[in-house]
Amino acid sequence: MDKPDDMLSISVTGRGNTVAYGPTREQKPEEFAVPVLIFGASGRTGQCLVEQALAAGHTVTAFVRSRSTLSARHPKLHIVEGDVLNPDAVDAAMLGQRAVLSALGFSGRRASDSLVKAMEHIVTSMQRYRVHRFVSLAPPPAKDGWVRRGLIGRLLSPFLQKPPAQSWERQLDSIRGSPLEWVLVRPTRLTNEPARKSYQVSVGWTEVPDGISRADVAMFMLEQLQNRRYVRLSPVLGG
């Protein structure tokens, strides 16, 4: 894969599962910097997305439940308070956007149902306002064969908490079944380390290292606003 700039090095280690689901559209050169809507902007990964998107020149709308949860300030940053479970609030934020990034996460007993509803609202609103590109953080792969672990990691693997397969598959199905140009980004294990600007990507069954920084995940997600390589695929990332 060609480097988009001198700051980023990507090693593509998997070449399987290269099926594209449905038609794609031509991308215009002027779409390099776009108005982008970020859901989950106040979370740890979301804040990395906001910071890096602004640094790249994008006009950012950060969708948060409360302004107090996001300290970033910038002339190109618009902070919108709202509930992603309210379709009217999602519609209001979607108007005028060209792409959507999601780093949403929920906690509590009904977290899975909330995430599914949120994704349904986002996908429906994107189609209504003809916003094509959707890059979303997705749960890590359930299959152990994706991750290259050391001895300790292999010993602890049976005890590591994994998301219920049924719940996250429902979340992903609502996206995969849409006509959007979606990319489902699946990091192996998120860390709070600084960006290394070098990581491995797999879209087959090739293993990738266990763990990747949120900053590197944000960098990869933002690159997908222009990159068509992973449209309608679910790349797994490891640092």
C-alpha atoms as a PDB file:
ATOM      1  CA  MET A   1       0.000   0.000   0.000  1.00  0.00           C
ATOM      2  CA  ASP A   2       1.324   3.422  -0.910  1.00  0.00           C
ATOM      3  CA  LYS A   3       2.105   5.806   1.909  1.00  0.00           C
ATOM      4  CA  PRO A   4      -0.324   8.766   1.988  1.00  0.00           C
ATOM      5  CA  ASP A   5       2.419  10.914   3.499  1.00  0.00           C
ATOM      6  CA  ASP A   6       5.802  10.683   5.175  1.00  0.00           C
ATOM      7  CA  MET A   7       4.275  10.500   8.643  1.00  0.00           C
ATOM      8  CA  LEU A   8       2.467   7.182   8.312  1.00  0.00           C
ATOM      9  CA  SER A   9       3.688   3.697   7.577  1.00  0.00           C
ATOM     10  CA  ILE A  10       1.176   0.876   7.205  1.00  0.00           C
ATOM     11  CA  SER A  11       1.995  -2.787   6.830  1.00  0.00           C
ATOM     12  CA  VAL A  12      -0.821  -4.715   5.155  1.00  0.00           C
ATOM     13  CA  THR A  13      -0.424  -8.292   6.344  1.00  0.00           C
ATOM     14  CA  GLY A  14      -3.720  -9.773   5.187  1.00  0.00           C
ATOM     15  CA  ARG A  15      -4.986  -9.978   1.613  1.00  0.00           C
ATOM     16  CA  GLY A  16      -8.052 -12.214   2.066  1.00  0.00           C
ATOM     17  CA  ASN A  17     -11.713 -11.214   2.340  1.00  0.00           C
ATOM     18  CA  THR A  18     -11.459  -8.546  -0.357  1.00  0.00           C
ATOM     19  CA  VAL A  19     -15.126  -8.690  -1.343  1.00  0.00           C
ATOM     20  CA  ALA A  20     -16.768  -5.272  -1.810  1.00  0.00           C
ATOM     21  CA  TYR A  21     -20.468  -5.177  -0.957  1.00  0.00           C
ATOM     22  CA  GLY A  22     -22.307  -3.099  -3.563  1.00  0.00           C
ATOM     23  CA  PRO A  23     -21.424  -0.161  -5.814  1.00  0.00           C
ATOM     24  CA  THR A  24     -18.998   2.618  -4.985  1.00  0.00           C
ATOM     25  CA  ARG A  25     -18.840   6.178  -6.265  1.00  0.00           C
ATOM     26  CA  GLU A  26     -16.126   8.352  -7.770  1.00  0.00           C
ATOM     27  CA  GLN A  27     -14.200  10.480  -5.256  1.00  0.00           C
ATOM     28  CA  LYS A  28     -13.368  14.041  -6.240  1.00  0.00           C
ATOM     29  CA  PRO A  29      -9.896  15.480  -5.550  1.00  0.00           C
ATOM     30  CA  GLU A  30     -11.363  18.418  -3.602  1.00  0.00           C
ATOM     31  CA  GLU A  31     -12.760  16.012  -0.999  1.00  0.00           C
ATOM     32  CA  PHE A  32      -9.450  15.896   0.854  1.00  0.00           C
ATOM     33  CA  ALA A  33     -10.671  18.207   3.640  1.00  0.00           C
ATOM     34  CA  VAL A  34     -14.342  17.679   4.426  1.00  0.00           C
ATOM     35  CA  PRO A  35     -16.985  18.542   7.027  1.00  0.00           C
ATOM     36  CA  VAL A  36     -16.984  15.502   9.291  1.00  0.00           C
ATOM     37  CA  LEU A  37     -19.327  14.494  12.108  1.00  0.00           C
ATOM     38  CA  ILE A  38     -17.773  12.571  15.004  1.00  0.00           C
ATOM     39  CA  PHE A  39     -19.915  10.519  17.384  1.00  0.00           C
ATOM     40  CA  GLY A  40     -18.369   9.497  20.693  1.00  0.00           C
ATOM     41  CA  ALA A  41     -16.150  12.582  20.458  1.00  0.00           C
ATOM     42  CA  SER A  42     -15.664  12.918  24.224  1.00  0.00           C
ATOM     43  CA  GLY A  43     -14.285   9.399  24.695  1.00  0.00           C
ATOM     44  CA  ARG A  44     -10.587   8.587  24.724  1.00  0.00           C
ATOM     45  CA  THR A  45     -10.512   7.452  21.102  1.00  0.00           C
ATOM     46  CA  GLY A  46     -13.004  10.139  20.095  1.00  0.00           C
ATOM     47  CA  GLN A  47     -10.799  12.895  21.474  1.00  0.00           C
ATOM     48  CA  CYS A  48      -7.909  11.571  19.385  1.00  0.00           C
ATOM     49  CA  LEU A  49     -10.180  11.712  16.338  1.00  0.00           C
ATOM     50  CA  VAL A  50     -11.200  15.302  17.050  1.00  0.00           C
ATOM     51  CA  GLU A  51      -7.620  16.463  17.603  1.00  0.00           C
ATOM     52  CA  GLN A  52      -6.217  14.767  14.516  1.00  0.00           C
ATOM     53  CA  ALA A  53      -9.149  15.730  12.270  1.00  0.00           C
ATOM     54  CA  LEU A  54      -8.695  19.399  13.152  1.00  0.00           C
ATOM     55  CA  ALA A  55      -4.939  19.143  12.585  1.00  0.00           C
ATOM     56  CA  ALA A  56      -5.664  17.701   9.120  1.00  0.00           C
ATOM     57  CA  GLY A  57      -7.815  20.702   8.221  1.00  0.00           C
ATOM     58  CA  HIS A  58     -11.255  19.107   8.459  1.00  0.00           C
ATOM     59  CA  THR A  59     -14.257  21.022   9.746  1.00  0.00           C
ATOM     60  CA  VAL A  60     -15.372  18.958  12.732  1.00  0.00           C
ATOM     61  CA  THR A  61     -18.768  18.621  14.361  1.00  0.00           C
ATOM     62  CA  ALA A  62     -18.318  16.823  17.690  1.00  0.00           C
ATOM     63  CA  PHE A  63     -21.514  15.146  18.911  1.00  0.00           C
ATOM     64  CA  VAL A  64     -21.484  14.830  22.714  1.00  0.00           C
ATOM     65  CA  ARG A  65     -24.017  14.463  25.508  1.00  0.00           C
ATOM     66  CA  SER A  66     -22.500  17.430  27.367  1.00  0.00           C
ATOM     67  CA  ARG A  67     -20.121  20.193  26.255  1.00  0.00           C
ATOM     68  CA  SER A  68     -18.274  19.879  29.546  1.00  0.00           C
ATOM     69  CA  THR A  69     -16.939  16.466  28.507  1.00  0.00           C
ATOM     70  CA  LEU A  70     -14.907  17.902  25.618  1.00  0.00           C
ATOM     71  CA  SER A  71     -12.232  20.483  26.374  1.00  0.00           C
ATOM     72  CA  ALA A  72     -10.972  20.999  22.816  1.00  0.00           C
ATOM     73  CA  ARG A  73     -11.533  24.410  21.220  1.00  0.00           C
ATOM     74  CA  HIS A  74     -10.783  25.368  17.615  1.00  0.00           C
ATOM     75  CA  PRO A  75     -12.206  27.713  14.933  1.00  0.00           C
ATOM     76  CA  LYS A  76     -13.197  24.673  12.847  1.00  0.00           C
ATOM     77  CA  LEU A  77     -14.707  22.756  15.781  1.00  0.00           C
ATOM     78  CA  HIS A  78     -18.458  22.816  16.363  1.00  0.00           C
ATOM     79  CA  ILE A  79     -19.668  21.067  19.509  1.00  0.00           C
ATOM     80  CA  VAL A  80     -23.241  19.754  19.394  1.00  0.00           C
ATOM     81  CA  GLU A  81     -24.992  18.491  22.513  1.00  0.00           C
ATOM     82  CA  GLY A  82     -27.438  15.683  21.956  1.00  0.00           C
ATOM     83  CA  ASP A  83     -28.482  12.115  22.559  1.00  0.00           C
ATOM     84  CA  VAL A  84     -27.541   9.704  19.786  1.00  0.00           C
ATOM     85  CA  LEU A  85     -30.593   7.634  20.770  1.00  0.00           C
ATOM     86  CA  ASN A  86     -32.746  10.572  19.664  1.00  0.00           C
ATOM     87  CA  PRO A  87     -33.089  10.395  15.842  1.00  0.00           C
ATOM     88  CA  ASP A  88     -34.068  14.086  15.624  1.00  0.00           C
ATOM     89  CA  ALA A  89     -30.826  15.108  17.337  1.00  0.00           C
ATOM     90  CA  VAL A  90     -28.820  12.920  14.965  1.00  0.00           C
ATOM     91  CA  ASP A  91     -30.597  14.442  11.951  1.00  0.00           C
ATOM     92  CA  ALA A  92     -29.876  17.978  13.149  1.00  0.00           C
ATOM     93  CA  ALA A  93     -26.164  17.236  13.434  1.00  0.00           C
ATOM     94  CA  MET A  94     -26.003  15.365  10.113  1.00  0.00           C
ATOM     95  CA  LEU A  95     -27.098  18.278   7.928  1.00  0.00           C
ATOM     96  CA  GLY A  96     -24.202  19.565   5.817  1.00  0.00           C
ATOM     97  CA  GLN A  97     -21.765  16.748   6.648  1.00  0.00           C
ATOM     98  CA  ARG A  98     -19.695  14.835   4.102  1.00  0.00           C
ATOM     99  CA  ALA A  99     -18.487  11.958   6.283  1.00  0.00           C
ATOM    100  CA  VAL A 100     -19.143  10.382   9.673  1.00  0.00           C
ATOM    101  CA  LEU A 101     -16.730   8.867  12.191  1.00  0.00           C
ATOM    102  CA  SER A 102     -17.950   6.874  15.172  1.00  0.00           C
ATOM    103  CA  ALA A 103     -16.100   5.936  18.339  1.00  0.00           C
ATOM    104  CA  LEU A 104     -19.275   5.262  20.290  1.00  0.00           C
ATOM    105  CA  GLY A 105     -19.393   3.100  23.371  1.00  0.00           C
ATOM    106  CA  PHE A 106     -22.007   2.483  26.033  1.00  0.00           C
ATOM    107  CA  SER A 107     -21.897   1.054  29.533  1.00  0.00           C
ATOM    108  CA  GLY A 108     -24.493  -0.625  31.679  1.00  0.00           C
ATOM    109  CA  ARG A 109     -26.880  -3.543  31.330  1.00  0.00           C
ATOM    110  CA  ARG A 110     -28.522  -2.261  28.142  1.00  0.00           C
ATOM    111  CA  ALA A 111     -25.316  -1.140  26.445  1.00  0.00           C
ATOM    112  CA  SER A 112     -25.672  -3.534  23.501  1.00  0.00           C
ATOM    113  CA  ASP A 113     -29.243  -2.503  22.713  1.00  0.00           C
ATOM    114  CA  SER A 114     -28.297   1.175  22.974  1.00  0.00           C
ATOM    115  CA  LEU A 115     -25.401   0.765  20.563  1.00  0.00           C
ATOM    116  CA  VAL A 116     -27.571  -1.052  18.019  1.00  0.00           C
ATOM    117  CA  LYS A 117     -30.201   1.709  18.162  1.00  0.00           C
ATOM    118  CA  ALA A 118     -27.540   4.400  17.871  1.00  0.00           C
ATOM    119  CA  MET A 119     -26.088   2.793  14.758  1.00  0.00           C
ATOM    120  CA  GLU A 120     -29.525   2.455  13.209  1.00  0.00           C
ATOM    121  CA  HIS A 121     -30.201   6.165  13.783  1.00  0.00           C
ATOM    122  CA  ILE A 122     -26.835   7.157  12.308  1.00  0.00           C
ATOM    123  CA  VAL A 123     -27.175   4.938   9.234  1.00  0.00           C
ATOM    124  CA  THR A 124     -30.740   6.115   8.576  1.00  0.00           C
ATOM    125  CA  SER A 125     -29.769   9.773   8.940  1.00  0.00           C
ATOM    126  CA  MET A 126     -26.755   9.371   6.645  1.00  0.00           C
ATOM    127  CA  GLN A 127     -28.933   7.920   3.924  1.00  0.00           C
ATOM    128  CA  ARG A 128     -31.521  10.658   4.384  1.00  0.00           C
ATOM    129  CA  TYR A 129     -28.930  13.419   3.944  1.00  0.00           C
ATOM    130  CA  ARG A 130     -26.842  11.504   1.375  1.00  0.00           C
ATOM    131  CA  VAL A 131     -23.701  11.315   3.480  1.00  0.00           C
ATOM    132  CA  HIS A 132     -21.769   8.418   1.971  1.00  0.00           C
ATOM    133  CA  ARG A 133     -18.626   7.622   3.976  1.00  0.00           C
ATOM    134  CA  PHE A 134     -18.990   6.003   7.421  1.00  0.00           C
ATOM    135  CA  VAL A 135     -15.921   4.912   9.384  1.00  0.00           C
ATOM    136  CA  SER A 136     -16.800   3.239  12.661  1.00  0.00           C
ATOM    137  CA  LEU A 137     -14.869   1.709  15.490  1.00  0.00           C
ATOM    138  CA  ALA A 138     -16.048  -1.878  15.916  1.00  0.00           C
ATOM    139  CA  PRO A 139     -15.485  -4.556  18.563  1.00  0.00           C
ATOM    140  CA  PRO A 140     -12.265  -6.571  18.398  1.00  0.00           C
ATOM    141  CA  PRO A 141     -12.470  -9.834  16.490  1.00  0.00           C
ATOM    142  CA  ALA A 142     -13.861 -12.753  18.476  1.00  0.00           C
ATOM    143  CA  LYS A 143     -11.628 -15.291  16.725  1.00  0.00           C
ATOM    144  CA  ASP A 144      -8.370 -15.766  18.633  1.00  0.00           C
ATOM    145  CA  GLY A 145      -6.478 -16.474  15.402  1.00  0.00           C
ATOM    146  CA  TRP A 146      -6.479 -12.787  14.505  1.00  0.00           C
ATOM    147  CA  VAL A 147      -4.090 -11.833  17.289  1.00  0.00           C
ATOM    148  CA  ARG A 148      -0.408 -12.640  17.615  1.00  0.00           C
ATOM    149  CA  ARG A 149       0.262 -12.886  21.367  1.00  0.00           C
ATOM    150  CA  GLY A 150       3.265 -13.712  23.486  1.00  0.00           C
ATOM    151  CA  LEU A 151       3.384 -16.574  25.992  1.00  0.00           C
ATOM    152  CA  ILE A 152       1.636 -14.648  28.780  1.00  0.00           C
ATOM    153  CA  GLY A 153      -1.031 -13.408  26.397  1.00  0.00           C
ATOM    154  CA  ARG A 154      -1.757 -16.947  25.205  1.00  0.00           C
ATOM    155  CA  LEU A 155      -2.034 -18.192  28.784  1.00  0.00           C
ATOM    156  CA  LEU A 156      -4.442 -15.405  29.753  1.00  0.00           C
ATOM    157  CA  SER A 157      -6.491 -15.503  26.549  1.00  0.00           C
ATOM    158  CA  PRO A 158      -9.201 -17.903  27.870  1.00  0.00           C
ATOM    159  CA  PHE A 159      -9.857 -15.523  30.778  1.00  0.00           C
ATOM    160  CA  LEU A 160     -10.026 -12.263  28.823  1.00  0.00           C
ATOM    161  CA  GLN A 161     -13.460 -10.668  28.601  1.00  0.00           C
ATOM    162  CA  LYS A 162     -14.924 -10.756  25.106  1.00  0.00           C
ATOM    163  CA  PRO A 163     -18.020  -8.985  23.778  1.00  0.00           C
ATOM    164  CA  PRO A 164     -21.121 -11.189  23.341  1.00  0.00           C
ATOM    165  CA  ALA A 165     -21.092 -12.314  19.716  1.00  0.00           C
ATOM    166  CA  GLN A 166     -24.813 -11.818  19.183  1.00  0.00           C
ATOM    167  CA  SER A 167     -24.838  -8.218  20.398  1.00  0.00           C
ATOM    168  CA  TRP A 168     -21.939  -6.898  18.329  1.00  0.00           C
ATOM    169  CA  GLU A 169     -23.036  -8.813  15.249  1.00  0.00           C
ATOM    170  CA  ARG A 170     -26.393  -7.026  15.454  1.00  0.00           C
ATOM    171  CA  GLN A 171     -24.540  -3.727  15.615  1.00  0.00           C
ATOM    172  CA  LEU A 172     -22.390  -4.538  12.596  1.00  0.00           C
ATOM    173  CA  ASP A 173     -25.276  -5.984  10.578  1.00  0.00           C
ATOM    174  CA  SER A 174     -27.119  -2.657  10.715  1.00  0.00           C
ATOM    175  CA  ILE A 175     -24.099  -1.089   9.006  1.00  0.00           C
ATOM    176  CA  ARG A 176     -23.188  -3.889   6.625  1.00  0.00           C
ATOM    177  CA  GLY A 177     -26.751  -4.064   5.315  1.00  0.00           C
ATOM    178  CA  SER A 178     -26.706  -0.398   4.295  1.00  0.00           C
ATOM    179  CA  PRO A 179     -25.628   1.100   0.931  1.00  0.00           C
ATOM    180  CA  LEU A 180     -23.105   3.353   2.701  1.00  0.00           C
ATOM    181  CA  GLU A 181     -19.380   3.339   1.999  1.00  0.00           C
ATOM    182  CA  TRP A 182     -18.627   1.888   5.409  1.00  0.00           C
ATOM    183  CA  VAL A 183     -15.357   0.827   6.985  1.00  0.00           C
ATOM    184  CA  LEU A 184     -15.517  -1.118  10.264  1.00  0.00           C
ATOM    185  CA  VAL A 185     -12.216  -0.636  12.084  1.00  0.00           C
ATOM    186  CA  ARG A 186     -11.451  -3.443  14.549  1.00  0.00           C
ATOM    187  CA  PRO A 187      -8.450  -2.857  16.813  1.00  0.00           C
ATOM    188  CA  THR A 188      -7.139  -5.871  18.702  1.00  0.00           C
ATOM    189  CA  ARG A 189      -6.712  -4.104  22.058  1.00  0.00           C
ATOM    190  CA  LEU A 190      -6.756  -0.357  22.640  1.00  0.00           C
ATOM    191  CA  THR A 191      -3.982   1.293  24.637  1.00  0.00           C
ATOM    192  CA  ASN A 192      -3.335   4.873  25.732  1.00  0.00           C
ATOM    193  CA  GLU A 193       0.237   4.946  24.481  1.00  0.00           C
ATOM    194  CA  PRO A 194       1.457   7.680  22.108  1.00  0.00           C
ATOM    195  CA  ALA A 195       1.046   7.112  18.386  1.00  0.00           C
ATOM    196  CA  ARG A 196       3.753   4.947  16.826  1.00  0.00           C
ATOM    197  CA  LYS A 197       2.576   5.865  13.297  1.00  0.00           C
ATOM    198  CA  SER A 198       3.279   2.305  12.251  1.00  0.00           C
ATOM    199  CA  TYR A 199       0.886  -0.634  12.547  1.00  0.00           C
ATOM    200  CA  GLN A 200      -0.336  -3.740  10.770  1.00  0.00           C
ATOM    201  CA  VAL A 201      -3.671  -4.240   9.034  1.00  0.00           C
ATOM    202  CA  SER A 202      -5.307  -7.562   8.221  1.00  0.00           C
ATOM    203  CA  VAL A 203      -8.423  -8.215   6.153  1.00  0.00           C
ATOM    204  CA  GLY A 204      -7.903 -11.963   5.908  1.00  0.00           C
ATOM    205  CA  TRP A 205      -6.919 -14.428   8.604  1.00  0.00           C
ATOM    206  CA  THR A 206      -3.358 -13.179   8.944  1.00  0.00           C
ATOM    207  CA  GLU A 207      -2.378 -12.440  12.545  1.00  0.00           C
ATOM    208  CA  VAL A 208      -1.556  -8.949  13.732  1.00  0.00           C
ATOM    209  CA  PRO A 209       0.187  -7.939  16.978  1.00  0.00           C
ATOM    210  CA  ASP A 210      -1.934  -7.655  20.110  1.00  0.00           C
ATOM    211  CA  GLY A 211      -2.598  -4.027  21.060  1.00  0.00           C
ATOM    212  CA  ILE A 212      -2.589  -0.663  19.290  1.00  0.00           C
ATOM    213  CA  SER A 213      -2.733   2.899  20.590  1.00  0.00           C
ATOM    214  CA  ARG A 214      -5.936   4.922  20.320  1.00  0.00           C
ATOM    215  CA  ALA A 215      -3.950   7.623  18.546  1.00  0.00           C
ATOM    216  CA  ASP A 216      -2.880   5.177  15.825  1.00  0.00           C
ATOM    217  CA  VAL A 217      -6.449   3.890  15.466  1.00  0.00           C
ATOM    218  CA  ALA A 218      -7.677   7.469  15.057  1.00  0.00           C
ATOM    219  CA  MET A 219      -4.997   8.070  12.416  1.00  0.00           C
ATOM    220  CA  PHE A 220      -6.123   5.004  10.467  1.00  0.00           C
ATOM    221  CA  MET A 221      -9.808   5.955  10.740  1.00  0.00           C
ATOM    222  CA  LEU A 222      -9.146   9.452   9.421  1.00  0.00           C
ATOM    223  CA  GLU A 223      -7.138   8.093   6.515  1.00  0.00           C
ATOM    224  CA  GLN A 224     -10.254   6.172   5.440  1.00  0.00           C
ATOM    225  CA  LEU A 225     -12.007   9.451   4.620  1.00  0.00           C
ATOM    226  CA  GLN A 226      -9.945   9.483   1.398  1.00  0.00           C
ATOM    227  CA  ASN A 227      -8.756   5.886   1.095  1.00  0.00           C
ATOM    228  CA  ARG A 228     -10.962   3.420  -0.798  1.00  0.00           C
ATOM    229  CA  ARG A 229      -8.941   0.273  -0.075  1.00  0.00           C
ATOM    230  CA  TYR A 230     -11.038  -0.845   2.890  1.00  0.00           C
ATOM    231  CA  VAL A 231     -14.491   0.361   1.821  1.00  0.00           C
ATOM    232  CA  ARG A 232     -17.072  -2.266   2.890  1.00  0.00           C
ATOM    233  CA  LEU A 233     -14.420  -4.279   4.709  1.00  0.00           C
ATOM    234  CA  SER A 234     -13.604  -4.809   8.381  1.00  0.00           C
ATOM    235  CA  PRO A 235      -9.836  -4.359   8.775  1.00  0.00           C
ATOM    236  CA  VAL A 236      -8.243  -5.613  11.989  1.00  0.00           C
ATOM    237  CA  LEU A 237      -5.492  -3.398  13.433  1.00  0.00           C
ATOM    238  CA  GLY A 238      -2.524  -4.289  15.603  1.00  0.00           C
ATOM    239  CA  GLY A 239       0.462  -2.205  16.602  1.00  0.00           C
END
